[in-house]
């Protein structure tokens, strides 16, 4: 977790540090990420860095949390368009991100997750209690945007939350798989484009089927 000293920094300096960190984590595998490159890029001292973040894991968790907040914000815009229909929205959300995956901001975000390893992300999330609280806050925001009669009354708030988190996990896995395919195909001949697109459509099809099963299990609006 970042220290209060980091949180109180001027916004421009925080932005510089986080952009340097995101660039590093999206460019190198986790074990090869260099604190030295981050501090050189962000123009701070090594001593200053460790007054902001105890270690590399804490910095990565903070980046994960920031990326999740942005993703949920984008998802909430889609939810508003769909009048709170969660399952329809999460399918549209994944499809829209896949469509814009070539944009730099999307590439950098997924590169960071991919480079650090999705299991590393899950491990860090479970190890850091503040990350758990952040995820719970995001789930609560989504739950508040869903109509009260969307889920059966027999479901507890905890069960609804687990269902929503499961759907987001499925979405994350689908998106990471999409990025992985794009990375492996990078620099491939033009004739591979159709094959790549067909493969992505298969992933989306499987994801949609998984979401439909989850929707049925939770009894969401048809």
Protein backbone atom coordinates (compact mmCIF):
# COMPACT_ATOMS: atom_id res chain seq x y z
CA UNK A 1 0.00 0.00 0.00
CA UNK A 2 1.39 3.46 -0.80
CA UNK A 3 2.41 5.59 2.17
CA UNK A 4 0.63 8.78 3.18
CA UNK A 5 3.69 10.63 1.93
CA UNK A 6 3.02 9.37 -1.60
CA UNK A 7 -0.70 10.12 -1.40
CA UNK A 8 0.07 13.71 -0.37
CA UNK A 9 2.43 14.35 -3.30
CA UNK A 10 1.44 16.92 -5.91
CA UNK A 11 -0.58 15.33 -8.69
CA UNK A 12 2.03 15.91 -11.40
CA UNK A 13 4.72 14.08 -9.43
CA UNK A 14 2.37 11.19 -8.63
CA UNK A 15 1.41 10.96 -12.30
CA UNK A 16 5.07 10.86 -13.33
CA UNK A 17 5.90 8.05 -10.90
CA UNK A 18 2.87 5.96 -11.84
CA UNK A 19 3.38 6.41 -15.58
CA UNK A 20 7.02 5.33 -15.20
CA UNK A 21 5.94 2.32 -13.15
CA UNK A 22 3.23 1.32 -15.62
CA UNK A 23 5.71 1.61 -18.49
CA UNK A 24 8.17 -0.63 -16.64
CA UNK A 25 5.63 -3.27 -15.62
CA UNK A 26 4.16 -3.37 -19.13
CA UNK A 27 7.60 -3.67 -20.79
CA UNK A 28 9.31 -6.33 -18.68
CA UNK A 29 8.38 -9.60 -16.98
CA UNK A 30 7.85 -9.15 -13.26
CA UNK A 31 11.21 -10.60 -12.20
CA UNK A 32 13.05 -8.21 -14.53
CA UNK A 33 11.23 -5.05 -13.48
CA UNK A 34 13.82 -2.52 -12.30
CA UNK A 35 13.20 0.02 -9.55
CA UNK A 36 16.25 1.87 -10.88
CA UNK A 37 14.59 2.41 -14.28
CA UNK A 38 11.41 3.58 -12.58
CA UNK A 39 13.19 6.17 -10.45
CA UNK A 40 15.29 7.38 -13.38
CA UNK A 41 12.20 7.74 -15.59
CA UNK A 42 10.22 9.54 -12.89
CA UNK A 43 13.20 11.64 -11.76
CA UNK A 44 13.13 10.76 -8.08
CA UNK A 45 15.79 9.30 -5.78
CA UNK A 46 15.91 5.67 -4.69
CA UNK A 47 15.48 6.79 -1.09
CA UNK A 48 12.39 8.78 -2.00
CA UNK A 49 10.86 5.78 -3.78
CA UNK A 50 11.02 3.66 -0.63
CA UNK A 51 9.30 6.40 1.37
CA UNK A 52 6.39 6.09 -1.10
CA UNK A 53 6.17 2.31 -1.54
CA UNK A 54 7.62 -0.38 0.77
CA UNK A 55 8.45 -2.68 -2.15
CA UNK A 56 7.77 -3.61 -5.76
CA UNK A 57 4.72 -5.70 -4.84
CA UNK A 58 3.02 -2.74 -3.19
CA UNK A 59 3.62 -0.58 -6.25
CA UNK A 60 2.18 -3.26 -8.54
CA UNK A 61 -0.90 -3.74 -6.34
CA UNK A 62 -1.51 0.01 -6.43
CA UNK A 63 -1.28 -0.03 -10.22
CA UNK A 64 -3.66 -3.01 -10.39
CA UNK A 65 -6.10 -1.18 -8.16
CA UNK A 66 -5.94 1.97 -10.28
CA UNK A 67 -6.50 -0.04 -13.47
CA UNK A 68 -9.45 -1.83 -11.90
CA UNK A 69 -11.02 1.47 -10.86
CA UNK A 70 -10.72 2.78 -14.43
CA UNK A 71 -12.17 -0.44 -15.85
CA UNK A 72 -15.11 -0.37 -13.46
CA UNK A 73 -15.72 3.30 -14.33
CA UNK A 74 -15.92 2.39 -18.02
CA UNK A 75 -18.19 -0.55 -17.18
CA UNK A 76 -20.52 1.72 -15.18
CA UNK A 77 -20.97 3.96 -18.24
CA UNK A 78 -22.16 0.89 -20.18
CA UNK A 79 -24.40 -0.13 -17.27
CA UNK A 80 -26.06 3.30 -17.36
CA UNK A 81 -26.81 2.86 -21.07
CA UNK A 82 -28.35 -0.54 -20.33
CA UNK A 83 -30.46 0.63 -17.38
CA UNK A 84 -28.59 -1.54 -14.89
CA UNK A 85 -28.67 -4.82 -16.83
CA UNK A 86 -25.47 -6.34 -15.46
CA UNK A 87 -25.10 -9.40 -17.67
CA UNK A 88 -25.82 -7.57 -20.91
CA UNK A 89 -23.40 -4.84 -19.88
CA UNK A 90 -20.50 -7.12 -19.01
CA UNK A 91 -20.76 -8.83 -22.40
CA UNK A 92 -20.76 -5.47 -24.18
CA UNK A 93 -17.89 -4.29 -21.99
CA UNK A 94 -15.64 -7.19 -22.99
CA UNK A 95 -16.54 -6.91 -26.67
CA UNK A 96 -15.89 -3.15 -26.75
CA UNK A 97 -12.48 -3.54 -25.08
CA UNK A 98 -11.53 -6.29 -27.53
CA UNK A 99 -12.48 -3.96 -30.39
CA UNK A 100 -10.17 -1.21 -29.12
CA UNK A 101 -7.35 -3.49 -27.90
CA UNK A 102 -4.92 -1.96 -30.42
CA UNK A 103 -5.14 1.46 -28.76
CA UNK A 104 -2.03 2.25 -26.71
CA UNK A 105 -3.82 2.78 -23.40
CA UNK A 106 -5.49 -0.64 -23.69
CA UNK A 107 -2.30 -2.33 -24.85
CA UNK A 108 -0.32 -0.90 -21.92
CA UNK A 109 -2.92 -1.97 -19.37
CA UNK A 110 -3.09 -5.55 -20.60
CA UNK A 111 0.65 -5.76 -21.11
CA UNK A 112 1.10 -4.93 -17.43
CA UNK A 113 -1.27 -7.73 -16.38
CA UNK A 114 0.20 -10.15 -18.89
CA UNK A 115 3.84 -9.41 -18.03
CA UNK A 116 3.28 -9.72 -14.30
CA UNK A 117 1.30 -12.92 -14.80
CA UNK A 118 -2.39 -13.20 -14.06
CA UNK A 119 -1.67 -15.57 -11.16
CA UNK A 120 0.65 -12.92 -9.73
CA UNK A 121 -2.22 -10.46 -9.88
CA UNK A 122 -4.54 -12.88 -8.05
CA UNK A 123 -1.85 -13.68 -5.49
CA UNK A 124 -1.19 -10.03 -4.74
CA UNK A 125 -4.90 -9.31 -4.53
CA UNK A 126 -5.39 -12.02 -1.93
CA UNK A 127 -2.29 -11.04 0.06
CA UNK A 128 -3.10 -7.34 0.37
CA UNK A 129 -6.09 -6.53 2.54
CA UNK A 130 -6.49 -3.03 1.11
CA UNK A 131 -6.86 -4.55 -2.35
CA UNK A 132 -9.68 -6.72 -1.04
CA UNK A 133 -11.40 -3.62 0.33
CA UNK A 134 -10.95 -1.82 -2.98
CA UNK A 135 -12.53 -4.69 -4.89
CA UNK A 136 -15.40 -4.87 -2.41
CA UNK A 137 -16.03 -1.14 -2.88
CA UNK A 138 -16.20 -1.60 -6.65
CA UNK A 139 -18.64 -4.50 -6.29
CA UNK A 140 -20.83 -2.39 -4.01
CA UNK A 141 -20.87 0.39 -6.61
CA UNK A 142 -22.02 -2.09 -9.27
CA UNK A 143 -24.65 -3.60 -6.96
CA UNK A 144 -26.11 -0.16 -6.27
CA UNK A 145 -26.53 0.44 -10.01
CA UNK A 146 -28.46 -2.82 -10.52
CA UNK A 147 -32.27 -2.60 -10.11
CA UNK A 148 -33.49 -4.04 -6.80
CA UNK A 149 -35.61 -6.69 -8.53
CA UNK A 150 -32.79 -7.87 -10.81
CA UNK A 151 -31.74 -10.81 -8.63
CA UNK A 152 -34.08 -13.20 -6.77
CA UNK A 153 -34.86 -12.11 -3.21
CA UNK A 154 -33.49 -15.43 -1.96
CA UNK A 155 -29.93 -14.37 -2.84
CA UNK A 156 -27.91 -12.73 -0.09
CA UNK A 157 -25.79 -9.64 -0.76
CA UNK A 158 -22.72 -11.81 -0.37
CA UNK A 159 -23.96 -14.27 -3.00
CA UNK A 160 -24.69 -11.41 -5.40
CA UNK A 161 -21.22 -10.01 -4.79
CA UNK A 162 -19.59 -13.38 -5.44
CA UNK A 163 -21.54 -13.67 -8.70
CA UNK A 164 -20.46 -10.22 -9.84
CA UNK A 165 -16.83 -10.88 -8.93
CA UNK A 166 -16.98 -14.20 -10.78
CA UNK A 167 -18.29 -12.44 -13.89
CA UNK A 168 -15.48 -9.88 -13.73
CA UNK A 169 -12.93 -12.66 -13.29
CA UNK A 170 -14.30 -14.44 -16.38
CA UNK A 171 -14.14 -11.14 -18.25
CA UNK A 172 -10.54 -10.55 -17.18
CA UNK A 173 -9.48 -14.02 -18.28
CA UNK A 174 -11.17 -13.53 -21.67
CA UNK A 175 -9.50 -10.17 -22.18
CA UNK A 176 -6.09 -11.46 -21.14
CA UNK A 177 -6.46 -14.38 -23.53
CA UNK A 178 -7.35 -11.90 -26.26
CA UNK A 179 -4.24 -9.86 -25.51
CA UNK A 180 -2.09 -13.00 -25.37
CA UNK A 181 -3.24 -14.01 -28.85
CA UNK A 182 -2.59 -10.53 -30.18
CA UNK A 183 0.92 -10.59 -28.72
CA UNK A 184 1.78 -13.98 -30.20
CA UNK A 185 0.48 -12.92 -33.59
CA UNK A 186 2.34 -9.60 -33.61
CA UNK A 187 4.37 -9.20 -36.77
CA UNK A 188 2.59 -12.09 -38.47
CA UNK A 189 1.74 -11.97 -42.20
CA UNK A 190 -1.49 -10.29 -43.29
CA UNK A 191 -3.11 -13.63 -44.12
CA UNK A 192 -3.04 -14.51 -40.40
CA UNK A 193 -5.43 -11.65 -39.60
CA UNK A 194 -8.56 -13.62 -40.42
CA UNK A 195 -7.38 -16.60 -38.38
CA UNK A 196 -6.68 -14.31 -35.42
CA UNK A 197 -10.11 -12.69 -35.62
CA UNK A 198 -11.83 -16.08 -35.82
CA UNK A 199 -9.91 -17.22 -32.73
CA UNK A 200 -10.95 -14.07 -30.83
CA UNK A 201 -14.57 -14.63 -31.80
CA UNK A 202 -14.34 -18.15 -30.39
CA UNK A 203 -13.06 -16.78 -27.09
CA UNK A 204 -15.91 -14.27 -26.96
CA UNK A 205 -18.42 -16.99 -27.77
CA UNK A 206 -17.17 -19.16 -24.90
CA UNK A 207 -17.20 -16.14 -22.57
CA UNK A 208 -20.78 -15.31 -23.51
CA UNK A 209 -21.85 -18.89 -22.83
CA UNK A 210 -20.15 -18.78 -19.42
CA UNK A 211 -21.93 -15.53 -18.60
CA UNK A 212 -25.27 -17.01 -19.68
CA UNK A 213 -24.75 -19.94 -17.30
CA UNK A 214 -23.82 -17.56 -14.49
CA UNK A 215 -26.87 -15.41 -15.27
CA UNK A 216 -29.10 -18.48 -15.08
CA UNK A 217 -27.54 -19.53 -11.78
CA UNK A 218 -28.10 -16.08 -10.27
CA UNK A 219 -31.53 -15.63 -11.80
CA UNK A 220 -30.84 -12.26 -13.44
CA UNK A 221 -33.27 -10.56 -15.79
CA UNK A 222 -33.62 -12.35 -19.13
